[in-house]
Amino acid sequence: MTDVLGFRFQEPLWLLAALAGPLVVAAAVLRERTGRALIFPGLSRSGKASPTWRTGLRHLPVTLAGLGLALAAVALARPQHGSLKQNATTEGVDIVIALDVSGSMAAQDFLPRNRLEVARSVVSSFIKRRPNDRIGLVVFASKCLTKSPLTTDTALLLRQLDDVHLDMLPDGTAIGSGMATALARLRRSQAKSKVLVLVTDGGNNTGEIDPATATDMARAMGVRVYTVGVGKGGVVPVPVRVRDDFTGAVVTRVMPMQVDIDEGLLKMIATRTGAEFFRATDSASMRVIFDRIDRLEKSEIKLTSYTRYRELFRPYLTTAAALLLAASAAWATGLRVAPA
């Protein structure tokens, strides 16, 4: 693997095969000069064609083929260009986002979007506006899953967020367990300010750890828990899977249901940890949280160096294919290498 000024070949051994192109051309010229090349009748019968231009172009097919083979080998060597990210130091806050993916998040308070879609939009806006913080992502329903540990890689976080969907975990809303899992991601944090952003509709109904216990854990760790209630509440349309009486097939129907938000629980969690509760209807609802976190004490964060490479083989491969096709076309017109 070669690497010069950010340019490299991922499979450099293929560059040896690129020598086949010039060798093909050299062999054709040598055969012509030694008189061992084949003479095809098509060339001798072209009486009406000018011998001058045919003589001048007789090497065209083999030359085009040789160049095509050489460029194809370069493409197989996978040329790449990398953008180097240097070590840097910045100041930020360690933040873990705990996102509810339970069935109640399917409530369509914001037609045509449901609560989870609004929550993902809110979280995406939050991540994009905090490039200097280390952010992690945890999702929970009746079980919990860490989608990303603390990181400054915004692109990674957004990809993990795009992968979040309903039914990815068994149904239920274990807010206490979700908080505990998020707090575990902050356990070894040395940051001066540690934050948990809990995004849910606030209806705890399962889990081995109750929200009050998880709140006490956060207080003991010095973690502020900002709670975000997603949804307007009340009677809202909710997609429900039911069995059709006539066909027996399981279908999804939208039915009006009472789906309230437990504001009291979310306010208790936020107040006891020195944070605040917010209602999220769109990304603009998070601006107050941005301002609050901006005022927290920052810690020095060292960013590691890495290089991200971009593939460059496509133009080489396309040009190689074009040259080989052109060589075939030139050969088909009757151009041939003939002995002198």
C-alpha atoms as a PDB file:
ATOM      1  CA  MET A   1       0.000   0.000   0.000  1.00  0.00           C
ATOM      2  CA  THR A   2       1.563   3.287  -1.100  1.00  0.00           C
ATOM      3  CA  ASP A   3       0.639   6.636   0.436  1.00  0.00           C
ATOM      4  CA  VAL A   4       2.114   9.907  -0.843  1.00  0.00           C
ATOM      5  CA  LEU A   5       0.551  13.255   0.096  1.00  0.00           C
ATOM      6  CA  GLY A   6      -2.812  11.641   0.756  1.00  0.00           C
ATOM      7  CA  PHE A   7      -2.797   9.621  -2.521  1.00  0.00           C
ATOM      8  CA  ARG A   8      -2.404   5.862  -2.384  1.00  0.00           C
ATOM      9  CA  PHE A   9      -3.154   2.543  -4.090  1.00  0.00           C
ATOM     10  CA  GLN A  10      -5.086   0.121  -1.897  1.00  0.00           C
ATOM     11  CA  GLU A  11      -4.012  -2.889  -4.042  1.00  0.00           C
ATOM     12  CA  PRO A  12      -0.623  -1.785  -5.448  1.00  0.00           C
ATOM     13  CA  LEU A  13       0.352  -5.232  -6.797  1.00  0.00           C
ATOM     14  CA  TRP A  14      -2.080  -4.685  -9.657  1.00  0.00           C
ATOM     15  CA  LEU A  15       0.263  -1.941 -10.899  1.00  0.00           C
ATOM     16  CA  LEU A  16       2.573  -4.713 -12.103  1.00  0.00           C
ATOM     17  CA  ALA A  17      -0.212  -5.845 -14.406  1.00  0.00           C
ATOM     18  CA  ALA A  18      -0.262  -2.340 -15.898  1.00  0.00           C
ATOM     19  CA  LEU A  19       3.036  -3.257 -17.611  1.00  0.00           C
ATOM     20  CA  ALA A  20       1.055  -5.645 -19.810  1.00  0.00           C
ATOM     21  CA  GLY A  21      -0.231  -2.696 -21.851  1.00  0.00           C
ATOM     22  CA  PRO A  22       3.167  -1.386 -23.013  1.00  0.00           C
ATOM     23  CA  LEU A  23       4.381  -4.980 -23.508  1.00  0.00           C
ATOM     24  CA  VAL A  24       1.476  -5.704 -25.868  1.00  0.00           C
ATOM     25  CA  VAL A  25       2.333  -2.649 -27.984  1.00  0.00           C
ATOM     26  CA  ALA A  26       6.065  -3.440 -27.951  1.00  0.00           C
ATOM     27  CA  ALA A  27       5.417  -7.044 -28.998  1.00  0.00           C
ATOM     28  CA  ALA A  28       3.269  -5.919 -31.924  1.00  0.00           C
ATOM     29  CA  VAL A  29       5.913  -3.477 -33.153  1.00  0.00           C
ATOM     30  CA  LEU A  30       8.637  -6.102 -32.779  1.00  0.00           C
ATOM     31  CA  ARG A  31       6.654  -8.657 -34.754  1.00  0.00           C
ATOM     32  CA  GLU A  32       6.157  -6.129 -37.525  1.00  0.00           C
ATOM     33  CA  ARG A  33       9.837  -5.273 -37.751  1.00  0.00           C
ATOM     34  CA  THR A  34      10.947  -8.909 -37.754  1.00  0.00           C
ATOM     35  CA  GLY A  35       8.393  -9.783 -40.428  1.00  0.00           C
ATOM     36  CA  ARG A  36       6.476 -12.283 -38.307  1.00  0.00           C
ATOM     37  CA  ALA A  37       3.201 -10.419 -38.129  1.00  0.00           C
ATOM     38  CA  LEU A  38       0.149 -11.819 -39.848  1.00  0.00           C
ATOM     39  CA  ILE A  39      -1.205 -10.231 -42.998  1.00  0.00           C
ATOM     40  CA  PHE A  40      -4.964 -10.336 -43.314  1.00  0.00           C
ATOM     41  CA  PRO A  41      -6.712 -10.323 -46.661  1.00  0.00           C
ATOM     42  CA  GLY A  42      -8.901  -7.432 -45.589  1.00  0.00           C
ATOM     43  CA  LEU A  43      -5.893  -5.109 -45.763  1.00  0.00           C
ATOM     44  CA  SER A  44      -4.741  -6.166 -49.234  1.00  0.00           C
ATOM     45  CA  ARG A  45      -8.202  -5.845 -50.739  1.00  0.00           C
ATOM     46  CA  SER A  46      -8.619  -2.216 -49.662  1.00  0.00           C
ATOM     47  CA  GLY A  47      -7.564  -0.834 -53.000  1.00  0.00           C
ATOM     48  CA  LYS A  48      -9.733   2.220 -52.854  1.00  0.00           C
ATOM     49  CA  ALA A  49      -8.396   3.287 -49.449  1.00  0.00           C
ATOM     50  CA  SER A  50      -5.383   5.470 -49.212  1.00  0.00           C
ATOM     51  CA  PRO A  51      -2.330   3.351 -48.258  1.00  0.00           C
ATOM     52  CA  THR A  52      -0.828   6.328 -46.498  1.00  0.00           C
ATOM     53  CA  TRP A  53      -3.429   6.716 -43.749  1.00  0.00           C
ATOM     54  CA  ARG A  54      -3.796   2.960 -43.289  1.00  0.00           C
ATOM     55  CA  THR A  55      -0.068   2.621 -42.896  1.00  0.00           C
ATOM     56  CA  GLY A  56      -0.055   5.408 -40.322  1.00  0.00           C
ATOM     57  CA  LEU A  57      -2.964   3.941 -38.343  1.00  0.00           C
ATOM     58  CA  ARG A  58      -2.038   0.268 -38.504  1.00  0.00           C
ATOM     59  CA  HIS A  59      -0.834   0.366 -34.871  1.00  0.00           C
ATOM     60  CA  LEU A  60      -3.998   2.070 -33.582  1.00  0.00           C
ATOM     61  CA  PRO A  61      -5.948  -1.035 -32.439  1.00  0.00           C
ATOM     62  CA  VAL A  62      -3.080  -2.566 -30.501  1.00  0.00           C
ATOM     63  CA  THR A  63      -2.106   0.820 -29.029  1.00  0.00           C
ATOM     64  CA  LEU A  64      -5.644   1.470 -27.810  1.00  0.00           C
ATOM     65  CA  ALA A  65      -5.863  -2.035 -26.375  1.00  0.00           C
ATOM     66  CA  GLY A  66      -2.527  -1.624 -24.604  1.00  0.00           C
ATOM     67  CA  LEU A  67      -3.617   1.660 -23.009  1.00  0.00           C
ATOM     68  CA  GLY A  68      -6.953   0.113 -22.027  1.00  0.00           C
ATOM     69  CA  LEU A  69      -5.236  -2.816 -20.312  1.00  0.00           C
ATOM     70  CA  ALA A  70      -2.864  -0.474 -18.472  1.00  0.00           C
ATOM     71  CA  LEU A  71      -5.703   1.750 -17.192  1.00  0.00           C
ATOM     72  CA  ALA A  72      -7.778  -1.298 -16.200  1.00  0.00           C
ATOM     73  CA  ALA A  73      -4.863  -2.495 -14.078  1.00  0.00           C
ATOM     74  CA  VAL A  74      -4.591   0.964 -12.477  1.00  0.00           C
ATOM     75  CA  ALA A  75      -8.312   0.819 -11.669  1.00  0.00           C
ATOM     76  CA  LEU A  76      -7.885  -2.619 -10.061  1.00  0.00           C
ATOM     77  CA  ALA A  77      -5.087  -1.159  -7.933  1.00  0.00           C
ATOM     78  CA  ARG A  78      -7.810   1.102  -6.409  1.00  0.00           C
ATOM     79  CA  PRO A  79      -6.319   4.609  -6.400  1.00  0.00           C
ATOM     80  CA  GLN A  80      -7.578   6.616  -3.415  1.00  0.00           C
ATOM     81  CA  HIS A  81      -7.211  10.131  -2.099  1.00  0.00           C
ATOM     82  CA  GLY A  82      -7.369  10.751   1.624  1.00  0.00           C
ATOM     83  CA  SER A  83      -8.249  13.797   3.674  1.00  0.00           C
ATOM     84  CA  LEU A  84      -6.156  13.834   6.812  1.00  0.00           C
ATOM     85  CA  LYS A  85      -7.709  14.942  10.083  1.00  0.00           C
ATOM     86  CA  GLN A  86      -5.045  16.167  12.486  1.00  0.00           C
ATOM     87  CA  ASN A  87      -5.018  15.880  16.264  1.00  0.00           C
ATOM     88  CA  ALA A  88      -6.882  18.772  17.809  1.00  0.00           C
ATOM     89  CA  THR A  89      -8.018  19.976  21.193  1.00  0.00           C
ATOM     90  CA  THR A  90     -11.398  21.546  21.856  1.00  0.00           C
ATOM     91  CA  GLU A  91     -13.755  22.145  24.751  1.00  0.00           C
ATOM     92  CA  GLY A  92     -17.094  20.457  25.153  1.00  0.00           C
ATOM     93  CA  VAL A  93     -19.553  18.482  27.249  1.00  0.00           C
ATOM     94  CA  ASP A  94     -20.176  14.734  27.460  1.00  0.00           C
ATOM     95  CA  ILE A  95     -23.772  14.039  26.445  1.00  0.00           C
ATOM     96  CA  VAL A  96     -25.772  10.814  26.075  1.00  0.00           C
ATOM     97  CA  ILE A  97     -29.155  10.890  24.359  1.00  0.00           C
ATOM     98  CA  ALA A  98     -31.687   8.283  25.518  1.00  0.00           C
ATOM     99  CA  LEU A  99     -34.384   7.930  22.841  1.00  0.00           C
ATOM    100  CA  ASP A 100     -37.705   6.164  23.414  1.00  0.00           C
ATOM    101  CA  VAL A 101     -38.689   3.702  20.617  1.00  0.00           C
ATOM    102  CA  SER A 102     -41.672   2.114  22.362  1.00  0.00           C
ATOM    103  CA  GLY A 103     -45.026   1.473  20.687  1.00  0.00           C
ATOM    104  CA  SER A 104     -46.575   4.650  22.085  1.00  0.00           C
ATOM    105  CA  MET A 105     -44.064   6.630  19.995  1.00  0.00           C
ATOM    106  CA  ALA A 106     -46.096   5.532  16.953  1.00  0.00           C
ATOM    107  CA  ALA A 107     -48.860   7.980  17.972  1.00  0.00           C
ATOM    108  CA  GLN A 108     -49.424  10.390  15.099  1.00  0.00           C
ATOM    109  CA  ASP A 109     -49.712  13.662  17.016  1.00  0.00           C
ATOM    110  CA  PHE A 110     -48.097  15.521  14.136  1.00  0.00           C
ATOM    111  CA  LEU A 111     -49.747  14.078  11.025  1.00  0.00           C
ATOM    112  CA  PRO A 112     -48.346  12.842   8.738  1.00  0.00           C
ATOM    113  CA  ARG A 113     -45.451  12.226  11.153  1.00  0.00           C
ATOM    114  CA  ASN A 114     -45.509  10.151  14.325  1.00  0.00           C
ATOM    115  CA  ARG A 115     -43.792  10.913  17.624  1.00  0.00           C
ATOM    116  CA  LEU A 116     -40.648   8.938  16.805  1.00  0.00           C
ATOM    117  CA  GLU A 117     -40.147  10.779  13.514  1.00  0.00           C
ATOM    118  CA  VAL A 118     -40.446  14.117  15.305  1.00  0.00           C
ATOM    119  CA  ALA A 119     -38.085  12.901  18.043  1.00  0.00           C
ATOM    120  CA  ARG A 120     -35.492  11.785  15.483  1.00  0.00           C
ATOM    121  CA  SER A 121     -35.715  15.169  13.773  1.00  0.00           C
ATOM    122  CA  VAL A 122     -35.196  16.918  17.107  1.00  0.00           C
ATOM    123  CA  VAL A 123     -32.233  14.713  18.024  1.00  0.00           C
ATOM    124  CA  SER A 124     -30.675  15.112  14.568  1.00  0.00           C
ATOM    125  CA  SER A 125     -30.806  18.890  14.893  1.00  0.00           C
ATOM    126  CA  PHE A 126     -29.320  18.615  18.376  1.00  0.00           C
ATOM    127  CA  ILE A 127     -26.369  16.480  17.162  1.00  0.00           C
ATOM    128  CA  LYS A 128     -25.594  18.708  14.162  1.00  0.00           C
ATOM    129  CA  ARG A 129     -25.379  21.805  16.347  1.00  0.00           C
ATOM    130  CA  ARG A 130     -22.924  20.296  18.833  1.00  0.00           C
ATOM    131  CA  PRO A 131     -19.728  19.383  16.897  1.00  0.00           C
ATOM    132  CA  ASN A 132     -17.440  20.015  19.886  1.00  0.00           C
ATOM    133  CA  ASP A 133     -19.231  17.708  22.350  1.00  0.00           C
ATOM    134  CA  ARG A 134     -18.823  13.990  22.800  1.00  0.00           C
ATOM    135  CA  ILE A 135     -22.280  12.486  22.246  1.00  0.00           C
ATOM    136  CA  GLY A 136     -23.592   8.943  22.691  1.00  0.00           C
ATOM    137  CA  LEU A 137     -26.924   7.397  21.683  1.00  0.00           C
ATOM    138  CA  VAL A 138     -29.049   4.883  23.609  1.00  0.00           C
ATOM    139  CA  VAL A 139     -32.489   3.628  22.545  1.00  0.00           C
ATOM    140  CA  PHE A 140     -34.983   1.917  24.804  1.00  0.00           C
ATOM    141  CA  ALA A 141     -38.425   0.326  24.903  1.00  0.00           C
ATOM    142  CA  SER A 142     -38.878  -2.554  27.375  1.00  0.00           C
ATOM    143  CA  LYS A 143     -35.182  -3.331  26.689  1.00  0.00           C
ATOM    144  CA  CYS A 144     -32.244  -1.009  26.052  1.00  0.00           C
ATOM    145  CA  LEU A 145     -29.611  -0.812  23.321  1.00  0.00           C
ATOM    146  CA  THR A 146     -26.502   1.362  22.992  1.00  0.00           C
ATOM    147  CA  LYS A 147     -26.356   2.571  19.392  1.00  0.00           C
ATOM    148  CA  SER A 148     -23.193   4.627  19.859  1.00  0.00           C
ATOM    149  CA  PRO A 149     -20.745   5.274  22.714  1.00  0.00           C
ATOM    150  CA  LEU A 150     -19.492   8.793  23.376  1.00  0.00           C
ATOM    151  CA  THR A 151     -17.942  10.147  20.178  1.00  0.00           C
ATOM    152  CA  THR A 152     -17.287  13.361  18.246  1.00  0.00           C
ATOM    153  CA  ASP A 153     -17.987  11.611  14.919  1.00  0.00           C
ATOM    154  CA  THR A 154     -21.181  13.401  13.889  1.00  0.00           C
ATOM    155  CA  ALA A 155     -21.544  11.378  10.676  1.00  0.00           C
ATOM    156  CA  LEU A 156     -21.469   8.115  12.641  1.00  0.00           C
ATOM    157  CA  LEU A 157     -24.078   9.361  15.101  1.00  0.00           C
ATOM    158  CA  LEU A 158     -26.422  10.469  12.337  1.00  0.00           C
ATOM    159  CA  ARG A 159     -26.082   7.102  10.579  1.00  0.00           C
ATOM    160  CA  GLN A 160     -26.945   5.301  13.812  1.00  0.00           C
ATOM    161  CA  LEU A 161     -29.880   7.646  14.330  1.00  0.00           C
ATOM    162  CA  ASP A 162     -31.181   6.912  10.817  1.00  0.00           C
ATOM    163  CA  ASP A 163     -31.210   3.225  11.770  1.00  0.00           C
ATOM    164  CA  VAL A 164     -33.583   3.825  14.703  1.00  0.00           C
ATOM    165  CA  HIS A 165     -37.139   2.631  14.073  1.00  0.00           C
ATOM    166  CA  LEU A 166     -40.242   1.315  15.812  1.00  0.00           C
ATOM    167  CA  ASP A 167     -40.387  -2.403  16.709  1.00  0.00           C
ATOM    168  CA  MET A 168     -36.588  -2.641  16.924  1.00  0.00           C
ATOM    169  CA  LEU A 169     -36.974  -3.638  20.600  1.00  0.00           C
ATOM    170  CA  PRO A 170     -39.711  -5.480  22.542  1.00  0.00           C
ATOM    171  CA  ASP A 171     -42.592  -3.140  23.313  1.00  0.00           C
ATOM    172  CA  GLY A 172     -42.871  -1.303  26.613  1.00  0.00           C
ATOM    173  CA  THR A 173     -41.470   1.902  28.106  1.00  0.00           C
ATOM    174  CA  ALA A 174     -38.679   1.307  30.613  1.00  0.00           C
ATOM    175  CA  ILE A 175     -37.610   4.885  31.325  1.00  0.00           C
ATOM    176  CA  GLY A 176     -35.626   3.957  34.434  1.00  0.00           C
ATOM    177  CA  SER A 177     -33.692   1.230  32.623  1.00  0.00           C
ATOM    178  CA  GLY A 178     -33.083   3.535  29.656  1.00  0.00           C
ATOM    179  CA  MET A 179     -31.673   6.185  31.980  1.00  0.00           C
ATOM    180  CA  ALA A 180     -29.477   3.596  33.750  1.00  0.00           C
ATOM    181  CA  THR A 181     -28.038   2.380  30.437  1.00  0.00           C
ATOM    182  CA  ALA A 182     -27.288   5.958  29.381  1.00  0.00           C
ATOM    183  CA  LEU A 183     -25.682   6.699  32.750  1.00  0.00           C
ATOM    184  CA  ALA A 184     -23.445   3.655  32.316  1.00  0.00           C
ATOM    185  CA  ARG A 185     -22.046   5.288  29.176  1.00  0.00           C
ATOM    186  CA  LEU A 186     -21.117   8.327  31.326  1.00  0.00           C
ATOM    187  CA  ARG A 187     -19.682   6.340  34.221  1.00  0.00           C
ATOM    188  CA  ARG A 188     -16.037   6.778  33.192  1.00  0.00           C
ATOM    189  CA  SER A 189     -16.422  10.297  31.851  1.00  0.00           C
ATOM    190  CA  GLN A 190     -13.920  12.813  33.229  1.00  0.00           C
ATOM    191  CA  ALA A 191     -15.794  15.789  31.767  1.00  0.00           C
ATOM    192  CA  LYS A 192     -16.630  18.689  34.057  1.00  0.00           C
ATOM    193  CA  SER A 193     -20.203  18.677  32.755  1.00  0.00           C
ATOM    194  CA  LYS A 194     -22.115  15.474  32.042  1.00  0.00           C
ATOM    195  CA  VAL A 195     -25.580  15.577  30.482  1.00  0.00           C
ATOM    196  CA  LEU A 196     -28.301  13.049  29.739  1.00  0.00           C
ATOM    197  CA  VAL A 197     -31.016  14.115  27.289  1.00  0.00           C
ATOM    198  CA  LEU A 198     -34.068  11.887  27.787  1.00  0.00           C
ATOM    199  CA  VAL A 199     -36.431  12.002  24.789  1.00  0.00           C
ATOM    200  CA  THR A 200     -39.691  10.157  25.472  1.00  0.00           C
ATOM    201  CA  ASP A 201     -43.447  10.443  25.780  1.00  0.00           C
ATOM    202  CA  GLY A 202     -42.981   9.857  29.500  1.00  0.00           C
ATOM    203  CA  GLY A 203     -45.191   6.849  30.244  1.00  0.00           C
ATOM    204  CA  ASN A 204     -43.083   4.394  32.278  1.00  0.00           C
ATOM    205  CA  ASN A 205     -44.706   0.948  32.480  1.00  0.00           C
ATOM    206  CA  THR A 206     -41.926  -1.642  32.754  1.00  0.00           C
ATOM    207  CA  GLY A 207     -38.239  -2.148  33.532  1.00  0.00           C
ATOM    208  CA  GLU A 208     -36.095  -3.477  36.369  1.00  0.00           C
ATOM    209  CA  ILE A 209     -35.079   0.024  37.492  1.00  0.00           C
ATOM    210  CA  ASP A 210     -37.749   2.596  38.301  1.00  0.00           C
ATOM    211  CA  PRO A 211     -37.279   6.226  37.172  1.00  0.00           C
ATOM    212  CA  ALA A 212     -36.880   7.517  40.753  1.00  0.00           C
ATOM    213  CA  THR A 213     -33.938   5.181  41.393  1.00  0.00           C
ATOM    214  CA  ALA A 214     -32.347   6.123  38.073  1.00  0.00           C
ATOM    215  CA  THR A 215     -32.796   9.794  38.976  1.00  0.00           C
ATOM    216  CA  ASP A 216     -30.953   9.235  42.259  1.00  0.00           C
ATOM    217  CA  MET A 217     -28.147   7.539  40.308  1.00  0.00           C
ATOM    218  CA  ALA A 218     -27.867  10.572  38.042  1.00  0.00           C
ATOM    219  CA  ARG A 219     -27.703  12.945  41.019  1.00  0.00           C
ATOM    220  CA  ALA A 220     -24.972  10.850  42.643  1.00  0.00           C
ATOM    221  CA  MET A 221     -22.941  10.943  39.410  1.00  0.00           C
ATOM    222  CA  GLY A 222     -23.458  14.684  38.926  1.00  0.00           C
ATOM    223  CA  VAL A 223     -25.354  14.178  35.660  1.00  0.00           C
ATOM    224  CA  ARG A 224     -27.972  16.707  34.614  1.00  0.00           C
ATOM    225  CA  VAL A 225     -30.975  15.004  32.966  1.00  0.00           C
ATOM    226  CA  TYR A 226     -32.800  17.253  30.511  1.00  0.00           C
ATOM    227  CA  THR A 227     -36.147  15.651  29.708  1.00  0.00           C
ATOM    228  CA  VAL A 228     -37.959  16.181  26.424  1.00  0.00           C
ATOM    229  CA  GLY A 229     -41.616  15.190  26.151  1.00  0.00           C
ATOM    230  CA  VAL A 230     -42.557  14.351  22.577  1.00  0.00           C
ATOM    231  CA  GLY A 231     -46.183  14.660  21.526  1.00  0.00           C
ATOM    232  CA  LYS A 232     -49.229  16.842  21.996  1.00  0.00           C
ATOM    233  CA  GLY A 233     -51.127  14.251  24.034  1.00  0.00           C
ATOM    234  CA  GLY A 234     -54.857  13.558  24.300  1.00  0.00           C
ATOM    235  CA  VAL A 235     -56.821  11.562  21.741  1.00  0.00           C
ATOM    236  CA  VAL A 236     -54.513  10.990  18.776  1.00  0.00           C
ATOM    237  CA  PRO A 237     -54.489   8.573  15.800  1.00  0.00           C
ATOM    238  CA  VAL A 238     -52.365   5.491  16.514  1.00  0.00           C
ATOM    239  CA  PRO A 239     -51.490   2.696  14.018  1.00  0.00           C
ATOM    240  CA  VAL A 240     -52.637  -0.629  15.474  1.00  0.00           C
ATOM    241  CA  ARG A 241     -52.042  -4.123  14.057  1.00  0.00           C
ATOM    242  CA  VAL A 242     -55.296  -6.115  14.048  1.00  0.00           C
ATOM    243  CA  ARG A 243     -56.619  -9.250  12.397  1.00  0.00           C
ATOM    244  CA  ASP A 244     -59.106  -8.686   9.590  1.00  0.00           C
ATOM    245  CA  ASP A 245     -62.440 -10.381  10.349  1.00  0.00           C
ATOM    246  CA  PHE A 246     -63.011 -11.395   6.722  1.00  0.00           C
ATOM    247  CA  THR A 247     -59.568 -12.403   5.435  1.00  0.00           C
ATOM    248  CA  GLY A 248     -57.881 -13.360   8.701  1.00  0.00           C
ATOM    249  CA  ALA A 249     -54.777 -11.385   7.663  1.00  0.00           C
ATOM    250  CA  VAL A 250     -53.004  -9.083  10.106  1.00  0.00           C
ATOM    251  CA  VAL A 251     -53.345  -5.488   8.913  1.00  0.00           C
ATOM    252  CA  THR A 252     -52.435  -2.052  10.253  1.00  0.00           C
ATOM    253  CA  ARG A 253     -55.283   0.340  10.987  1.00  0.00           C
ATOM    254  CA  VAL A 254     -55.170   3.848  12.388  1.00  0.00           C
ATOM    255  CA  MET A 255     -57.474   4.239  15.388  1.00  0.00           C
ATOM    256  CA  PRO A 256     -58.072   7.189  17.761  1.00  0.00           C
ATOM    257  CA  MET A 257     -56.627   6.490  21.201  1.00  0.00           C
ATOM    258  CA  GLN A 258     -55.928   8.399  24.408  1.00  0.00           C
ATOM    259  CA  VAL A 259     -52.125   8.710  24.603  1.00  0.00           C
ATOM    260  CA  ASP A 260     -51.086  11.186  27.278  1.00  0.00           C
ATOM    261  CA  ILE A 261     -47.618  12.404  28.239  1.00  0.00           C
ATOM    262  CA  ASP A 262     -46.491  11.978  31.841  1.00  0.00           C
ATOM    263  CA  GLU A 263     -45.227  15.527  32.319  1.00  0.00           C
ATOM    264  CA  GLY A 264     -45.109  15.098  36.090  1.00  0.00           C
ATOM    265  CA  LEU A 265     -42.565  12.281  35.848  1.00  0.00           C
ATOM    266  CA  LEU A 266     -40.376  14.112  33.337  1.00  0.00           C
ATOM    267  CA  LYS A 267     -40.436  17.338  35.359  1.00  0.00           C
ATOM    268  CA  MET A 268     -39.471  15.426  38.517  1.00  0.00           C
ATOM    269  CA  ILE A 269     -36.473  13.821  36.804  1.00  0.00           C
ATOM    270  CA  ALA A 270     -35.253  17.138  35.404  1.00  0.00           C
ATOM    271  CA  THR A 271     -35.798  19.154  38.580  1.00  0.00           C
ATOM    272  CA  ARG A 272     -34.060  16.671  40.894  1.00  0.00           C
ATOM    273  CA  THR A 273     -30.957  16.604  38.677  1.00  0.00           C
ATOM    274  CA  GLY A 274     -30.676  20.377  38.255  1.00  0.00           C
ATOM    275  CA  ALA A 275     -31.927  20.413  34.667  1.00  0.00           C
ATOM    276  CA  GLU A 276     -35.172  21.333  32.885  1.00  0.00           C
ATOM    277  CA  PHE A 277     -38.164  19.763  31.169  1.00  0.00           C
ATOM    278  CA  PHE A 278     -39.200  20.713  27.613  1.00  0.00           C
ATOM    279  CA  ARG A 279     -42.018  19.845  25.235  1.00  0.00           C
ATOM    280  CA  ALA A 280     -40.799  19.024  21.733  1.00  0.00           C
ATOM    281  CA  THR A 281     -43.037  19.666  18.774  1.00  0.00           C
ATOM    282  CA  ASP A 282     -40.230  20.327  16.280  1.00  0.00           C
ATOM    283  CA  SER A 283     -36.478  20.996  16.175  1.00  0.00           C
ATOM    284  CA  ALA A 284     -37.026  24.637  17.167  1.00  0.00           C
ATOM    285  CA  SER A 285     -38.214  23.399  20.575  1.00  0.00           C
ATOM    286  CA  MET A 286     -34.639  22.340  21.376  1.00  0.00           C
ATOM    287  CA  ARG A 287     -33.058  25.781  21.084  1.00  0.00           C
ATOM    288  CA  VAL A 288     -33.517  26.434  24.786  1.00  0.00           C
ATOM    289  CA  ILE A 289     -31.643  23.213  25.598  1.00  0.00           C
ATOM    290  CA  PHE A 290     -28.815  24.308  23.292  1.00  0.00           C
ATOM    291  CA  ASP A 291     -28.542  27.568  25.221  1.00  0.00           C
ATOM    292  CA  ARG A 292     -28.594  25.841  28.623  1.00  0.00           C
ATOM    293  CA  ILE A 293     -25.860  23.368  27.669  1.00  0.00           C
ATOM    294  CA  ASP A 294     -23.762  26.170  26.173  1.00  0.00           C
ATOM    295  CA  ARG A 295     -23.617  27.769  29.597  1.00  0.00           C
ATOM    296  CA  LEU A 296     -22.322  24.625  31.307  1.00  0.00           C
ATOM    297  CA  GLU A 297     -18.658  24.310  32.247  1.00  0.00           C
ATOM    298  CA  LYS A 298     -16.649  22.854  29.363  1.00  0.00           C
ATOM    299  CA  SER A 299     -13.892  20.269  29.489  1.00  0.00           C
ATOM    300  CA  GLU A 300     -10.863  19.874  27.243  1.00  0.00           C
ATOM    301  CA  ILE A 301     -11.433  17.151  24.636  1.00  0.00           C
ATOM    302  CA  LYS A 302      -8.595  15.686  22.562  1.00  0.00           C
ATOM    303  CA  LEU A 303      -9.668  14.619  19.093  1.00  0.00           C
ATOM    304  CA  THR A 304      -7.748  11.759  17.498  1.00  0.00           C
ATOM    305  CA  SER A 305      -6.216  11.867  14.024  1.00  0.00           C
ATOM    306  CA  TYR A 306      -7.616   9.777  11.172  1.00  0.00           C
ATOM    307  CA  THR A 307      -7.644   9.751   7.389  1.00  0.00           C
ATOM    308  CA  ARG A 308     -10.771   9.189   5.326  1.00  0.00           C
ATOM    309  CA  TYR A 309     -10.112   7.958   1.790  1.00  0.00           C
ATOM    310  CA  ARG A 310     -12.172   8.520  -1.353  1.00  0.00           C
ATOM    311  CA  GLU A 311     -12.151   5.934  -4.186  1.00  0.00           C
ATOM    312  CA  LEU A 312     -10.833   7.192  -7.544  1.00  0.00           C
ATOM    313  CA  PHE A 313     -10.935   4.002  -9.663  1.00  0.00           C
ATOM    314  CA  ARG A 314     -14.156   4.764 -11.578  1.00  0.00           C
ATOM    315  CA  PRO A 315     -12.762   7.228 -14.189  1.00  0.00           C
ATOM    316  CA  TYR A 316      -9.811   4.880 -14.843  1.00  0.00           C
ATOM    317  CA  LEU A 317     -12.150   1.922 -15.317  1.00  0.00           C
ATOM    318  CA  THR A 318     -14.511   3.886 -17.562  1.00  0.00           C
ATOM    319  CA  THR A 319     -11.654   5.139 -19.737  1.00  0.00           C
ATOM    320  CA  ALA A 320     -10.178   1.630 -19.968  1.00  0.00           C
ATOM    321  CA  ALA A 321     -13.503   0.218 -21.162  1.00  0.00           C
ATOM    322  CA  ALA A 322     -13.832   3.001 -23.753  1.00  0.00           C
ATOM    323  CA  LEU A 323     -10.297   2.356 -25.093  1.00  0.00           C
ATOM    324  CA  LEU A 324     -10.884  -1.397 -25.386  1.00  0.00           C
ATOM    325  CA  LEU A 325     -14.138  -0.799 -27.241  1.00  0.00           C
ATOM    326  CA  ALA A 326     -12.384   1.677 -29.546  1.00  0.00           C
ATOM    327  CA  ALA A 327      -9.628  -0.911 -30.188  1.00  0.00           C
ATOM    328  CA  SER A 328     -12.259  -3.498 -31.127  1.00  0.00           C
ATOM    329  CA  ALA A 329     -13.953  -1.037 -33.481  1.00  0.00           C
ATOM    330  CA  ALA A 330     -10.639  -0.104 -35.150  1.00  0.00           C
ATOM    331  CA  TRP A 331      -9.783  -3.792 -35.595  1.00  0.00           C
ATOM    332  CA  ALA A 332     -13.197  -4.423 -37.140  1.00  0.00           C
ATOM    333  CA  THR A 333     -12.580  -1.712 -39.785  1.00  0.00           C
ATOM    334  CA  GLY A 334      -9.640  -3.712 -41.157  1.00  0.00           C
ATOM    335  CA  LEU A 335      -6.727  -1.904 -39.506  1.00  0.00           C
ATOM    336  CA  ARG A 336      -4.001  -4.443 -38.814  1.00  0.00           C
ATOM    337  CA  VAL A 337      -0.309  -4.558 -37.906  1.00  0.00           C
ATOM    338  CA  ALA A 338       1.503  -5.750 -41.052  1.00  0.00           C
ATOM    339  CA  PRO A 339       5.212  -6.534 -41.591  1.00  0.00           C
ATOM    340  CA  ALA A 340       7.330  -3.784 -43.122  1.00  0.00           C
END
